PDB file of N, CA and C in Angstrom:
ATOM      1  N   MET A   1     -27.896  14.732  -7.763  1.00  0.00           N
ATOM      2  CA  MET A   1     -26.613  14.988  -7.579  1.00  0.00           C
ATOM      3  C   MET A   1     -26.310  13.622  -6.669  1.00  0.00           C
ATOM      4  N   ARG A   2     -25.220  13.117  -6.938  1.00  0.00           N
ATOM      5  CA  ARG A   2     -24.676  12.106  -6.589  1.00  0.00           C
ATOM      6  C   ARG A   2     -23.899  12.186  -5.164  1.00  0.00           C
ATOM      7  N   GLN A   3     -24.802  12.382  -3.972  1.00  0.00           N
ATOM      8  CA  GLN A   3     -24.220  12.727  -2.829  1.00  0.00           C
ATOM      9  C   GLN A   3     -25.233  12.563  -1.802  1.00  0.00           C
ATOM     10  N   CYS A   4     -24.705  12.040  -0.599  1.00  0.00           N
ATOM     11  CA  CYS A   4     -25.289  11.323   0.496  1.00  0.00           C
ATOM     12  C   CYS A   4     -26.021  12.366   1.064  1.00  0.00           C
ATOM     13  N   GLU A   5     -27.279  12.263   1.424  1.00  0.00           N
ATOM     14  CA  GLU A   5     -27.900  13.302   2.128  1.00  0.00           C
ATOM     15  C   GLU A   5     -27.846  13.322   3.429  1.00  0.00           C
ATOM     16  N   VAL A   6     -27.251  12.582   3.962  1.00  0.00           N
ATOM     17  CA  VAL A   6     -26.995  12.144   5.527  1.00  0.00           C
ATOM     18  C   VAL A   6     -25.465  12.870   6.128  1.00  0.00           C
ATOM     19  N   CYS A   7     -24.439  12.448   5.437  1.00  0.00           N
ATOM     20  CA  CYS A   7     -23.137  13.147   5.550  1.00  0.00           C
ATOM     21  C   CYS A   7     -22.872  13.975   4.545  1.00  0.00           C
ATOM     22  N   GLY A   8     -23.098  13.865   3.217  1.00  0.00           N
ATOM     23  CA  GLY A   8     -22.826  14.708   2.292  1.00  0.00           C
ATOM     24  C   GLY A   8     -21.448  14.150   1.678  1.00  0.00           C
ATOM     25  N   LYS A   9     -21.251  13.157   1.706  1.00  0.00           N
ATOM     26  CA  LYS A   9     -19.946  12.419   0.950  1.00  0.00           C
ATOM     27  C   LYS A   9     -20.329  12.364  -0.662  1.00  0.00           C
ATOM     28  N   GLY A  10     -19.484  12.997  -1.479  1.00  0.00           N
ATOM     29  CA  GLY A  10     -19.766  12.991  -2.859  1.00  0.00           C
ATOM     30  C   GLY A  10     -18.500  12.111  -3.561  1.00  0.00           C
ATOM     31  N   PRO A  11     -18.498  12.404  -4.735  1.00  0.00           N
ATOM     32  CA  PRO A  11     -17.361  11.736  -5.624  1.00  0.00           C
ATOM     33  C   PRO A  11     -16.091  12.167  -5.285  1.00  0.00           C
ATOM     34  N   SER A  12     -14.977  11.110  -5.373  1.00  0.00           N
ATOM     35  CA  SER A  12     -13.564  11.509  -4.953  1.00  0.00           C
ATOM     36  C   SER A  12     -13.009  11.610  -6.394  1.00  0.00           C
ATOM     37  N   ILE A  13     -11.834  12.488  -6.652  1.00  0.00           N
ATOM     38  CA  ILE A  13     -11.420  12.614  -8.045  1.00  0.00           C
ATOM     39  C   ILE A  13      -9.880  12.162  -7.641  1.00  0.00           C
ATOM     40  N   GLY A  14      -9.445  11.567  -8.826  1.00  0.00           N
ATOM     41  CA  GLY A  14      -8.033  10.884  -8.655  1.00  0.00           C
ATOM     42  C   GLY A  14      -7.475  10.777  -9.970  1.00  0.00           C
ATOM     43  N   HIS A  15      -6.451   9.821 -10.100  1.00  0.00           N
ATOM     44  CA  HIS A  15      -6.023   9.500 -11.477  1.00  0.00           C
ATOM     45  C   HIS A  15      -6.116   7.694 -11.490  1.00  0.00           C
ATOM     46  N   LYS A  16      -6.116   7.326 -12.832  1.00  0.00           N
ATOM     47  CA  LYS A  16      -6.221   6.192 -13.025  1.00  0.00           C
ATOM     48  C   LYS A  16      -4.790   5.844 -13.600  1.00  0.00           C
ATOM     49  N   VAL A  17      -4.030   4.943 -12.988  1.00  0.00           N
ATOM     50  CA  VAL A  17      -2.690   4.767 -13.361  1.00  0.00           C
ATOM     51  C   VAL A  17      -2.567   3.600 -14.170  1.00  0.00           C
ATOM     52  N   SER A  18      -1.824   3.884 -15.431  1.00  0.00           N
ATOM     53  CA  SER A  18      -1.784   2.202 -16.279  1.00  0.00           C
ATOM     54  C   SER A  18      -0.577   1.646 -15.731  1.00  0.00           C
ATOM     55  N   HIS A  19      -0.401   0.527 -16.322  1.00  0.00           N
ATOM     56  CA  HIS A  19       1.049  -0.453 -16.235  1.00  0.00           C
ATOM     57  C   HIS A  19       2.282   0.945 -16.421  1.00  0.00           C
ATOM     58  N   SER A  20       2.072   1.256 -17.652  1.00  0.00           N
ATOM     59  CA  SER A  20       3.173   2.015 -17.937  1.00  0.00           C
ATOM     60  C   SER A  20       3.210   3.532 -17.351  1.00  0.00           C
ATOM     61  N   ASN A  21       2.527   3.588 -16.493  1.00  0.00           N
ATOM     62  CA  ASN A  21       2.578   4.811 -15.313  1.00  0.00           C
ATOM     63  C   ASN A  21       1.835   6.143 -16.151  1.00  0.00           C
ATOM     64  N   ILE A  22       0.922   5.795 -17.163  1.00  0.00           N
ATOM     65  CA  ILE A  22       0.391   7.087 -17.771  1.00  0.00           C
ATOM     66  C   ILE A  22      -0.751   7.396 -17.007  1.00  0.00           C
ATOM     67  N   LYS A  23      -1.014   8.527 -16.579  1.00  0.00           N
ATOM     68  CA  LYS A  23      -2.117   8.801 -15.410  1.00  0.00           C
ATOM     69  C   LYS A  23      -3.114   9.598 -16.197  1.00  0.00           C
ATOM     70  N   THR A  24      -4.477   9.297 -16.157  1.00  0.00           N
ATOM     71  CA  THR A  24      -5.581   9.771 -16.782  1.00  0.00           C
ATOM     72  C   THR A  24      -6.714  10.100 -15.482  1.00  0.00           C
ATOM     73  N   LYS A  25      -7.544  11.525 -15.596  1.00  0.00           N
ATOM     74  CA  LYS A  25      -8.558  11.616 -14.554  1.00  0.00           C
ATOM     75  C   LYS A  25      -9.518  10.394 -14.616  1.00  0.00           C
ATOM     76  N   ARG A  26     -10.137  10.131 -13.154  1.00  0.00           N
ATOM     77  CA  ARG A  26     -11.170   9.318 -12.978  1.00  0.00           C
ATOM     78  C   ARG A  26     -11.862   9.755 -11.744  1.00  0.00           C
ATOM     79  N   ARG A  27     -13.005   9.238 -11.468  1.00  0.00           N
ATOM     80  CA  ARG A  27     -13.971   9.493 -10.360  1.00  0.00           C
ATOM     81  C   ARG A  27     -14.210   8.293  -9.510  1.00  0.00           C
ATOM     82  N   TRP A  28     -14.216   8.472  -8.457  1.00  0.00           N
ATOM     83  CA  TRP A  28     -14.958   7.349  -7.610  1.00  0.00           C
ATOM     84  C   TRP A  28     -16.179   7.926  -6.906  1.00  0.00           C
ATOM     85  N   LEU A  29     -17.286   7.060  -7.341  1.00  0.00           N
ATOM     86  CA  LEU A  29     -18.653   7.529  -6.897  1.00  0.00           C
ATOM     87  C   LEU A  29     -18.911   6.533  -5.529  1.00  0.00           C
ATOM     88  N   PRO A  30     -19.558   7.478  -4.717  1.00  0.00           N
ATOM     89  CA  PRO A  30     -20.046   6.722  -3.322  1.00  0.00           C
ATOM     90  C   PRO A  30     -21.162   5.869  -3.310  1.00  0.00           C
ATOM     91  N   ASN A  31     -21.075   4.667  -2.594  1.00  0.00           N
ATOM     92  CA  ASN A  31     -22.193   3.697  -2.953  1.00  0.00           C
ATOM     93  C   ASN A  31     -23.598   4.258  -2.368  1.00  0.00           C
ATOM     94  N   LEU A  32     -24.190   4.802  -3.068  1.00  0.00           N
ATOM     95  CA  LEU A  32     -25.744   5.296  -2.664  1.00  0.00           C
ATOM     96  C   LEU A  32     -26.679   4.295  -2.759  1.00  0.00           C
ATOM     97  N   GLN A  33     -27.511   4.199  -1.951  1.00  0.00           N
ATOM     98  CA  GLN A  33     -28.717   3.387  -1.917  1.00  0.00           C
ATOM     99  C   GLN A  33     -30.034   4.250  -1.709  1.00  0.00           C
ATOM    100  N   THR A  34     -30.959   3.996  -2.519  1.00  0.00           N
ATOM    101  CA  THR A  34     -32.578   4.723  -1.680  1.00  0.00           C
ATOM    102  C   THR A  34     -33.043   4.101  -0.662  1.00  0.00           C
ATOM    103  N   ALA A  35     -33.180   4.630   0.424  1.00  0.00           N
ATOM    104  CA  ALA A  35     -33.838   3.809   1.496  1.00  0.00           C
ATOM    105  C   ALA A  35     -35.185   4.623   1.901  1.00  0.00           C
ATOM    106  N   ARG A  36     -36.028   3.862   2.634  1.00  0.00           N
ATOM    107  CA  ARG A  36     -37.034   4.838   3.109  1.00  0.00           C
ATOM    108  C   ARG A  36     -36.896   4.710   4.643  1.00  0.00           C
ATOM    109  N   VAL A  37     -36.906   5.982   5.082  1.00  0.00           N
ATOM    110  CA  VAL A  37     -36.659   5.961   6.409  1.00  0.00           C
ATOM    111  C   VAL A  37     -37.655   6.941   7.136  1.00  0.00           C
ATOM    112  N   VAL A  38     -38.010   6.785   8.524  1.00  0.00           N
ATOM    113  CA  VAL A  38     -38.985   7.316   9.356  1.00  0.00           C
ATOM    114  C   VAL A  38     -38.202   8.610  10.134  1.00  0.00           C
ATOM    115  N   ILE A  39     -38.608   9.921   9.666  1.00  0.00           N
ATOM    116  CA  ILE A  39     -38.187  11.108  10.294  1.00  0.00           C
ATOM    117  C   ILE A  39     -39.331  11.605  10.811  1.00  0.00           C
ATOM    118  N   ASN A  40     -39.404  11.710  12.263  1.00  0.00           N
ATOM    119  CA  ASN A  40     -40.257  12.692  12.980  1.00  0.00           C
ATOM    120  C   ASN A  40     -41.673  12.063  12.613  1.00  0.00           C
ATOM    121  N   GLY A  41     -41.741  10.709  12.542  1.00  0.00           N
ATOM    122  CA  GLY A  41     -43.123  10.091  12.354  1.00  0.00           C
ATOM    123  C   GLY A  41     -43.388   9.854  10.862  1.00  0.00           C
ATOM    124  N   THR A  42     -42.850  10.544   9.651  1.00  0.00           N
ATOM    125  CA  THR A  42     -43.324  10.473   8.476  1.00  0.00           C
ATOM    126  C   THR A  42     -42.096   9.589   7.734  1.00  0.00           C
ATOM    127  N   ALA A  43     -42.584   8.776   6.873  1.00  0.00           N
ATOM    128  CA  ALA A  43     -41.630   8.099   6.174  1.00  0.00           C
ATOM    129  C   ALA A  43     -41.335   8.809   4.741  1.00  0.00           C
ATOM    130  N   THR A  44     -39.980   8.896   4.677  1.00  0.00           N
ATOM    131  CA  THR A  44     -39.397   9.607   3.545  1.00  0.00           C
ATOM    132  C   THR A  44     -38.259   8.826   2.752  1.00  0.00           C
ATOM    133  N   ARG A  45     -38.034   8.880   1.404  1.00  0.00           N
ATOM    134  CA  ARG A  45     -36.916   8.252   0.833  1.00  0.00           C
ATOM    135  C   ARG A  45     -35.854   9.136   0.852  1.00  0.00           C
ATOM    136  N   ILE A  46     -34.840   8.552   1.083  1.00  0.00           N
ATOM    137  CA  ILE A  46     -33.627   9.356   0.992  1.00  0.00           C
ATOM    138  C   ILE A  46     -32.437   8.572   0.277  1.00  0.00           C
ATOM    139  N   LYS A  47     -31.456   9.335  -0.195  1.00  0.00           N
ATOM    140  CA  LYS A  47     -30.278   8.537  -0.778  1.00  0.00           C
ATOM    141  C   LYS A  47     -28.997   8.890   0.083  1.00  0.00           C
ATOM    142  N   ALA A  48     -28.615   7.693   0.682  1.00  0.00           N
ATOM    143  CA  ALA A  48     -27.772   7.701   1.620  1.00  0.00           C
ATOM    144  C   ALA A  48     -26.617   6.494   1.221  1.00  0.00           C
ATOM    145  N   CYS A  49     -25.317   6.833   1.633  1.00  0.00           N
ATOM    146  CA  CYS A  49     -24.309   5.731   1.444  1.00  0.00           C
ATOM    147  C   CYS A  49     -24.434   4.580   2.281  1.00  0.00           C
ATOM    148  N   THR A  50     -23.773   3.623   2.039  1.00  0.00           N
ATOM    149  CA  THR A  50     -24.140   2.324   2.963  1.00  0.00           C
ATOM    150  C   THR A  50     -23.428   2.473   4.235  1.00  0.00           C
ATOM    151  N   GLY A  51     -22.442   3.444   4.333  1.00  0.00           N
ATOM    152  CA  GLY A  51     -21.965   3.252   5.689  1.00  0.00           C
ATOM    153  C   GLY A  51     -22.951   4.248   6.664  1.00  0.00           C
ATOM    154  N   CYS A  52     -23.424   5.327   6.278  1.00  0.00           N
ATOM    155  CA  CYS A  52     -24.829   5.485   7.125  1.00  0.00           C
ATOM    156  C   CYS A  52     -25.805   4.855   7.138  1.00  0.00           C
ATOM    157  N   LEU A  53     -26.278   4.280   6.283  1.00  0.00           N
ATOM    158  CA  LEU A  53     -27.523   3.303   6.282  1.00  0.00           C
ATOM    159  C   LEU A  53     -27.163   2.459   7.707  1.00  0.00           C
ATOM    160  N   SER A  54     -25.955   1.640   7.401  1.00  0.00           N
ATOM    161  CA  SER A  54     -25.933   0.683   8.700  1.00  0.00           C
ATOM    162  C   SER A  54     -25.833   1.337   9.950  1.00  0.00           C
ATOM    163  N   LYS A  55     -25.303   2.822  10.094  1.00  0.00           N
ATOM    164  CA  LYS A  55     -25.153   3.352  11.179  1.00  0.00           C
ATOM    165  C   LYS A  55     -26.741   3.712  11.577  1.00  0.00           C
ATOM    166  N   ILE A  56     -27.751   3.995  10.749  1.00  0.00           N
ATOM    167  CA  ILE A  56     -29.185   4.180  10.928  1.00  0.00           C
ATOM    168  C   ILE A  56     -29.724   2.768  11.454  1.00  0.00           C
ATOM    169  N   LYS A  57     -29.442   1.982  10.985  1.00  0.00           N
ATOM    170  CA  LYS A  57     -29.932   0.453  11.138  1.00  0.00           C
ATOM    171  C   LYS A  57     -29.454   0.077  12.645  1.00  0.00           C
ATOM    172  N   GLN A  58     -28.110   0.411  13.084  1.00  0.00           N
ATOM    173  CA  GLN A  58     -27.787   0.013  14.363  1.00  0.00           C
ATOM    174  C   GLN A  58     -28.376   0.928  15.550  1.00  0.00           C
ATOM    175  N   GLN A  59     -28.719   2.277  15.152  1.00  0.00           N
ATOM    176  CA  GLN A  59     -29.254   3.172  16.035  1.00  0.00           C
ATOM    177  C   GLN A  59     -30.703   2.777  16.127  1.00  0.00           C
ATOM    178  N   SER A  60     -31.543   2.275  15.264  1.00  0.00           N
ATOM    179  CA  SER A  60     -32.856   1.828  15.240  1.00  0.00           C
ATOM    180  C   SER A  60     -32.899   0.542  15.908  1.00  0.00           C
ATOM    181  N   HIS A  61     -32.184  -0.299  16.295  1.00  0.00           N
ATOM    182  CA  HIS A  61     -32.027  -1.756  16.687  1.00  0.00           C
ATOM    183  C   HIS A  61     -31.934  -1.234  18.395  1.00  0.00           C
ATOM    184  N   VAL A  62     -31.077  -0.220  18.679  1.00  0.00           N
ATOM    185  CA  VAL A  62     -30.889   0.066  20.173  1.00  0.00           C
ATOM    186  C   VAL A  62     -31.929   0.499  21.205  1.00  0.00           C
ATOM    187  N   ARG A  63     -32.949   1.165  20.423  1.00  0.00           N
ATOM    188  CA  ARG A  63     -34.001   1.677  21.074  1.00  0.00           C
ATOM    189  C   ARG A  63     -35.029   0.761  21.713  1.00  0.00           C
TER     190      ARG A  63
END
């Protein structure tokens, strides 16, 4: 499933609008990346959006 495992962000739905104002359905997918993250001392792979990955990186540098 195309969903962030951290924040739950998923696909957005809307219209593609042509120059003549014809509307057709389309989807915007979140920018998901697989990353290896240490959780409770064990390394696991997660699918996270880039916004969550940057927040995780900022929190890990603070320590």
